[in-house]
């Protein structure tokens, strides 16, 4: 991976989208895809939602214990961020398709992204398991304590009924799409342009991604930041958000389904 940005033509004037996560510069100017104040606004909204959620997740569960209100609130919050990003980038001549990295031009390219997503998912989980053990947030020798920690951290999010788990899977698919656009499409592109370096984009977006999950606790935010950096590297190498979207959606959906069955078995 290069440490120096490559000069590219302006996105609006190019027939092909500029690489996702890189800078696009013309006449020596950074390729910001939205004003700096817009970047600060998106970061502020992400952090506000994160730390408000860290202190108030249990309070947004509707009477009777339904999680649908919480899931719906998460969906609409991320949708608002997507609309804010879309509104800003369109004034710089950037489309959502360009932000994502174009589209599949053949069935083979789709299958390649599926394979990349699968390999990435397995490799990333291996890295994260080791990191979680090193930070003391995963203890494979004390399952009862581990289950208690999961209940404490994720209890308000765990689906309990068939309707809730279905809603959780739908939310996971949209979260995979939305969060990759927000963090690896928009934020990584902005940070890379401001720092004139691909690593500035990867690290900057990863830090905000970790801070955006305040409800999971301080040490897990470090784990999630590393996860975000891995996604950022994948985007930089593939020049597309698509494999990351697949892996992200699968990760969230798989976690929700697993927690649902653990809850049904009485373990949660």
Protein backbone atom coordinates (compact mmCIF):
# COMPACT_ATOMS: atom_id res chain seq x y z
CA UNK A 1 0.00 0.00 0.00
CA UNK A 2 1.38 3.38 -1.00
CA UNK A 3 2.05 6.08 1.55
CA UNK A 4 1.90 8.81 -1.06
CA UNK A 5 -1.35 9.72 -2.89
CA UNK A 6 -1.50 9.43 -6.64
CA UNK A 7 -2.80 12.48 -8.47
CA UNK A 8 -6.08 11.66 -10.19
CA UNK A 9 -8.42 13.71 -12.38
CA UNK A 10 -11.36 15.48 -10.79
CA UNK A 11 -14.21 13.06 -10.18
CA UNK A 12 -16.78 15.22 -11.89
CA UNK A 13 -14.74 15.39 -15.09
CA UNK A 14 -13.73 11.75 -15.24
CA UNK A 15 -15.74 9.06 -17.08
CA UNK A 16 -14.66 6.52 -14.43
CA UNK A 17 -15.12 6.84 -10.67
CA UNK A 18 -12.04 7.71 -8.65
CA UNK A 19 -10.84 4.89 -6.39
CA UNK A 20 -12.87 4.66 -3.20
CA UNK A 21 -10.98 5.80 -0.15
CA UNK A 22 -8.26 7.58 -2.13
CA UNK A 23 -7.84 11.27 -2.83
CA UNK A 24 -8.88 12.76 -6.10
CA UNK A 25 -6.91 15.87 -6.89
CA UNK A 26 -6.70 18.31 -9.69
CA UNK A 27 -4.62 21.48 -9.87
CA UNK A 28 -3.03 20.44 -6.58
CA UNK A 29 -6.28 20.66 -4.60
CA UNK A 30 -7.47 17.84 -2.29
CA UNK A 31 -10.42 15.87 -3.60
CA UNK A 32 -12.89 16.69 -0.85
CA UNK A 33 -16.31 15.35 -1.79
CA UNK A 34 -18.12 17.62 0.70
CA UNK A 35 -17.24 20.78 2.66
CA UNK A 36 -15.21 20.41 5.87
CA UNK A 37 -18.16 21.61 7.96
CA UNK A 38 -20.24 18.78 6.53
CA UNK A 39 -17.58 16.30 7.65
CA UNK A 40 -17.73 17.75 11.17
CA UNK A 41 -21.53 17.51 11.12
CA UNK A 42 -21.49 13.81 10.18
CA UNK A 43 -18.85 13.04 12.82
CA UNK A 44 -20.82 14.96 15.47
CA UNK A 45 -24.02 13.07 14.66
CA UNK A 46 -22.25 9.71 14.77
CA UNK A 47 -20.63 10.47 18.13
CA UNK A 48 -23.80 11.92 19.62
CA UNK A 49 -25.77 8.82 18.64
CA UNK A 50 -23.02 6.55 19.96
CA UNK A 51 -22.68 8.03 23.40
CA UNK A 52 -26.40 8.73 23.76
CA UNK A 53 -26.90 5.05 22.98
CA UNK A 54 -24.25 4.05 25.52
CA UNK A 55 -26.34 5.63 28.27
CA UNK A 56 -29.83 5.14 26.94
CA UNK A 57 -30.23 1.87 25.01
CA UNK A 58 -32.46 0.33 27.66
CA UNK A 59 -34.69 3.38 27.75
CA UNK A 60 -35.68 3.10 24.08
CA UNK A 61 -37.10 -0.41 24.40
CA UNK A 62 -40.84 -0.14 24.03
CA UNK A 63 -43.19 -1.34 26.80
CA UNK A 64 -43.56 -5.12 26.56
CA UNK A 65 -39.93 -5.59 25.57
CA UNK A 66 -40.21 -5.23 21.79
CA UNK A 67 -36.96 -4.33 20.03
CA UNK A 68 -38.68 -3.14 16.85
CA UNK A 69 -38.69 0.50 17.94
CA UNK A 70 -34.95 0.36 18.63
CA UNK A 71 -34.20 -1.36 15.32
CA UNK A 72 -36.38 1.14 13.45
CA UNK A 73 -34.69 4.08 15.15
CA UNK A 74 -31.27 2.76 14.14
CA UNK A 75 -32.40 2.32 10.54
CA UNK A 76 -33.83 5.84 10.25
CA UNK A 77 -30.83 7.46 11.91
CA UNK A 78 -28.44 5.84 9.43
CA UNK A 79 -30.80 6.67 6.56
CA UNK A 80 -30.67 10.33 7.59
CA UNK A 81 -26.86 10.22 7.50
CA UNK A 82 -26.97 8.65 4.04
CA UNK A 83 -29.32 11.37 2.78
CA UNK A 84 -27.10 14.10 4.25
CA UNK A 85 -24.09 12.57 2.51
CA UNK A 86 -25.94 12.17 -0.79
CA UNK A 87 -27.15 15.77 -0.68
CA UNK A 88 -23.61 17.08 -0.08
CA UNK A 89 -21.65 14.97 -2.55
CA UNK A 90 -24.04 15.58 -5.44
CA UNK A 91 -23.03 19.25 -5.33
CA UNK A 92 -19.41 18.15 -5.89
CA UNK A 93 -20.40 16.06 -8.91
CA UNK A 94 -20.05 12.73 -7.09
CA UNK A 95 -22.74 10.07 -7.32
CA UNK A 96 -23.52 7.32 -4.83
CA UNK A 97 -22.47 4.79 -7.45
CA UNK A 98 -19.05 6.43 -7.66
CA UNK A 99 -18.79 6.53 -3.88
CA UNK A 100 -19.51 2.79 -3.73
CA UNK A 101 -17.02 2.08 -6.50
CA UNK A 102 -19.10 1.60 -9.62
CA UNK A 103 -21.16 -1.50 -10.30
CA UNK A 104 -20.60 -5.10 -11.31
CA UNK A 105 -19.92 -5.43 -15.02
CA UNK A 106 -20.30 -9.21 -15.08
CA UNK A 107 -21.53 -12.14 -13.02
CA UNK A 108 -17.91 -13.21 -12.57
CA UNK A 109 -17.03 -9.89 -10.91
CA UNK A 110 -19.97 -10.39 -8.54
CA UNK A 111 -18.71 -13.87 -7.63
CA UNK A 112 -15.22 -12.49 -7.11
CA UNK A 113 -16.56 -9.95 -4.61
CA UNK A 114 -18.48 -12.70 -2.82
CA UNK A 115 -15.27 -14.74 -2.55
CA UNK A 116 -13.30 -11.72 -1.34
CA UNK A 117 -15.99 -10.96 1.25
CA UNK A 118 -15.92 -14.55 2.54
CA UNK A 119 -12.13 -14.66 2.81
CA UNK A 120 -12.07 -11.26 4.48
CA UNK A 121 -14.74 -12.28 6.99
CA UNK A 122 -12.83 -15.39 8.10
CA UNK A 123 -9.47 -13.62 8.27
CA UNK A 124 -10.90 -10.61 10.13
CA UNK A 125 -12.63 -12.79 12.71
CA UNK A 126 -9.37 -14.61 13.44
CA UNK A 127 -7.59 -11.28 13.99
CA UNK A 128 -10.39 -9.91 16.15
CA UNK A 129 -10.61 -13.02 18.34
CA UNK A 130 -6.91 -12.68 19.13
CA UNK A 131 -7.29 -8.96 19.82
CA UNK A 132 -10.31 -9.49 22.08
CA UNK A 133 -8.43 -12.12 24.06
CA UNK A 134 -5.44 -9.78 24.41
CA UNK A 135 -7.69 -6.97 25.66
CA UNK A 136 -9.52 -9.25 28.08
CA UNK A 137 -12.95 -8.97 26.48
CA UNK A 138 -13.01 -12.61 25.38
CA UNK A 139 -12.31 -15.47 27.78
CA UNK A 140 -12.78 -18.87 26.18
CA UNK A 141 -12.14 -20.59 29.52
CA UNK A 142 -14.97 -18.85 31.38
CA UNK A 143 -18.10 -19.12 29.24
CA UNK A 144 -20.54 -18.13 32.01
CA UNK A 145 -18.70 -14.85 32.59
CA UNK A 146 -18.51 -14.28 28.85
CA UNK A 147 -22.26 -14.83 28.43
CA UNK A 148 -22.97 -12.45 31.32
CA UNK A 149 -20.80 -9.80 29.66
CA UNK A 150 -22.61 -10.21 26.34
CA UNK A 151 -25.99 -9.89 28.08
CA UNK A 152 -24.81 -6.75 29.84
CA UNK A 153 -23.45 -5.16 26.68
CA UNK A 154 -25.85 -6.34 23.98
CA UNK A 155 -28.90 -7.39 26.00
CA UNK A 156 -31.18 -4.58 24.75
CA UNK A 157 -30.33 -5.50 21.14
CA UNK A 158 -30.82 -9.28 21.28
CA UNK A 159 -33.91 -10.36 19.28
CA UNK A 160 -36.33 -12.52 21.26
CA UNK A 161 -39.09 -13.36 18.77
CA UNK A 162 -39.35 -14.47 15.15
CA UNK A 163 -40.51 -11.00 14.10
CA UNK A 164 -37.61 -9.37 15.93
CA UNK A 165 -34.98 -11.66 14.43
CA UNK A 166 -36.43 -11.06 10.95
CA UNK A 167 -36.31 -7.31 11.56
CA UNK A 168 -32.76 -7.65 12.86
CA UNK A 169 -31.65 -9.43 9.68
CA UNK A 170 -33.24 -6.72 7.52
CA UNK A 171 -31.55 -4.06 9.65
CA UNK A 172 -28.23 -5.90 9.31
CA UNK A 173 -28.44 -5.83 5.52
CA UNK A 174 -29.13 -2.11 5.49
CA UNK A 175 -26.48 -1.50 8.16
CA UNK A 176 -23.93 -3.25 5.97
CA UNK A 177 -24.85 -0.96 3.08
CA UNK A 178 -25.29 2.26 5.04
CA UNK A 179 -22.33 2.01 7.40
CA UNK A 180 -19.89 1.12 4.64
CA UNK A 181 -21.05 4.18 2.68
CA UNK A 182 -20.82 6.39 5.77
CA UNK A 183 -17.49 5.19 7.14
CA UNK A 184 -15.52 3.70 4.27
CA UNK A 185 -17.13 5.60 1.41
CA UNK A 186 -17.61 9.10 2.80
CA UNK A 187 -15.42 9.46 5.91
CA UNK A 188 -12.46 7.49 4.55
CA UNK A 189 -12.56 9.48 1.32
CA UNK A 190 -12.75 12.79 3.22
CA UNK A 191 -9.95 11.98 5.67
CA UNK A 192 -7.74 10.70 2.85
CA UNK A 193 -8.30 13.90 0.89
CA UNK A 194 -7.60 16.12 3.90
CA UNK A 195 -4.48 14.17 4.88
CA UNK A 196 -3.43 13.62 1.25
CA UNK A 197 -2.67 10.04 2.24
CA UNK A 198 -4.61 6.78 2.00
CA UNK A 199 -3.61 5.83 5.56
CA UNK A 200 -5.09 9.06 6.88
CA UNK A 201 -8.41 7.96 5.44
CA UNK A 202 -8.17 4.40 6.75
CA UNK A 203 -7.13 5.37 10.28
CA UNK A 204 -9.42 8.39 10.56
CA UNK A 205 -12.54 6.51 9.51
CA UNK A 206 -11.57 3.52 11.70
CA UNK A 207 -11.30 5.73 14.79
CA UNK A 208 -14.75 7.24 14.18
CA UNK A 209 -16.14 3.75 13.48
CA UNK A 210 -14.86 2.55 16.85
CA UNK A 211 -16.15 5.63 18.67
CA UNK A 212 -19.48 5.12 16.91
CA UNK A 213 -20.08 1.96 18.95
CA UNK A 214 -19.92 3.47 22.43
CA UNK A 215 -22.65 1.19 23.77
CA UNK A 216 -20.24 -1.76 23.58
CA UNK A 217 -17.74 -0.31 26.05
CA UNK A 218 -14.26 1.18 25.85
CA UNK A 219 -12.26 -1.96 25.06
CA UNK A 220 -14.72 -3.16 22.45
CA UNK A 221 -14.51 0.24 20.77
CA UNK A 222 -10.80 -0.49 20.26
CA UNK A 223 -11.66 -3.86 18.73
CA UNK A 224 -14.28 -2.29 16.47
CA UNK A 225 -11.84 0.45 15.41
CA UNK A 226 -9.37 -2.25 14.31
CA UNK A 227 -12.22 -3.98 12.48
CA UNK A 228 -12.95 -0.69 10.75
CA UNK A 229 -9.30 -0.37 9.73
CA UNK A 230 -9.43 -3.85 8.20
CA UNK A 231 -12.51 -2.82 6.22
CA UNK A 232 -10.69 0.34 5.18
CA UNK A 233 -7.70 -1.63 3.89
CA UNK A 234 -10.05 -3.92 1.97
CA UNK A 235 -11.73 -0.91 0.34
CA UNK A 236 -8.38 0.67 -0.54
CA UNK A 237 -7.13 -2.54 -2.15
CA UNK A 238 -10.36 -3.48 -3.96
CA UNK A 239 -11.37 0.11 -4.85
CA UNK A 240 -14.95 -0.80 -4.04
CA UNK A 241 -17.25 -0.94 -1.03
CA UNK A 242 -19.10 -4.00 -2.30
CA UNK A 243 -17.11 -6.83 -0.64
CA UNK A 244 -17.08 -4.92 2.64
CA UNK A 245 -20.82 -4.37 2.44
CA UNK A 246 -21.36 -8.11 2.04
CA UNK A 247 -19.02 -9.04 4.90
CA UNK A 248 -20.46 -6.34 7.16
CA UNK A 249 -24.06 -7.36 6.53
CA UNK A 250 -23.26 -11.05 7.06
CA UNK A 251 -21.37 -10.31 10.29
CA UNK A 252 -24.28 -8.35 11.78
CA UNK A 253 -26.94 -10.82 10.62
CA UNK A 254 -24.97 -13.85 11.81
CA UNK A 255 -24.42 -12.24 15.23
CA UNK A 256 -28.12 -11.47 15.62
CA UNK A 257 -29.21 -14.98 14.60
CA UNK A 258 -26.65 -16.59 16.92
CA UNK A 259 -27.76 -14.42 19.86
CA UNK A 260 -31.40 -15.24 19.09
CA UNK A 261 -30.77 -19.00 19.29
CA UNK A 262 -28.61 -18.64 22.38
CA UNK A 263 -31.45 -16.71 23.98
CA UNK A 264 -33.98 -19.37 22.98
CA UNK A 265 -31.78 -22.08 24.47
CA UNK A 266 -31.75 -20.26 27.81
CA UNK A 267 -28.07 -19.33 27.64
CA UNK A 268 -28.89 -15.60 27.41
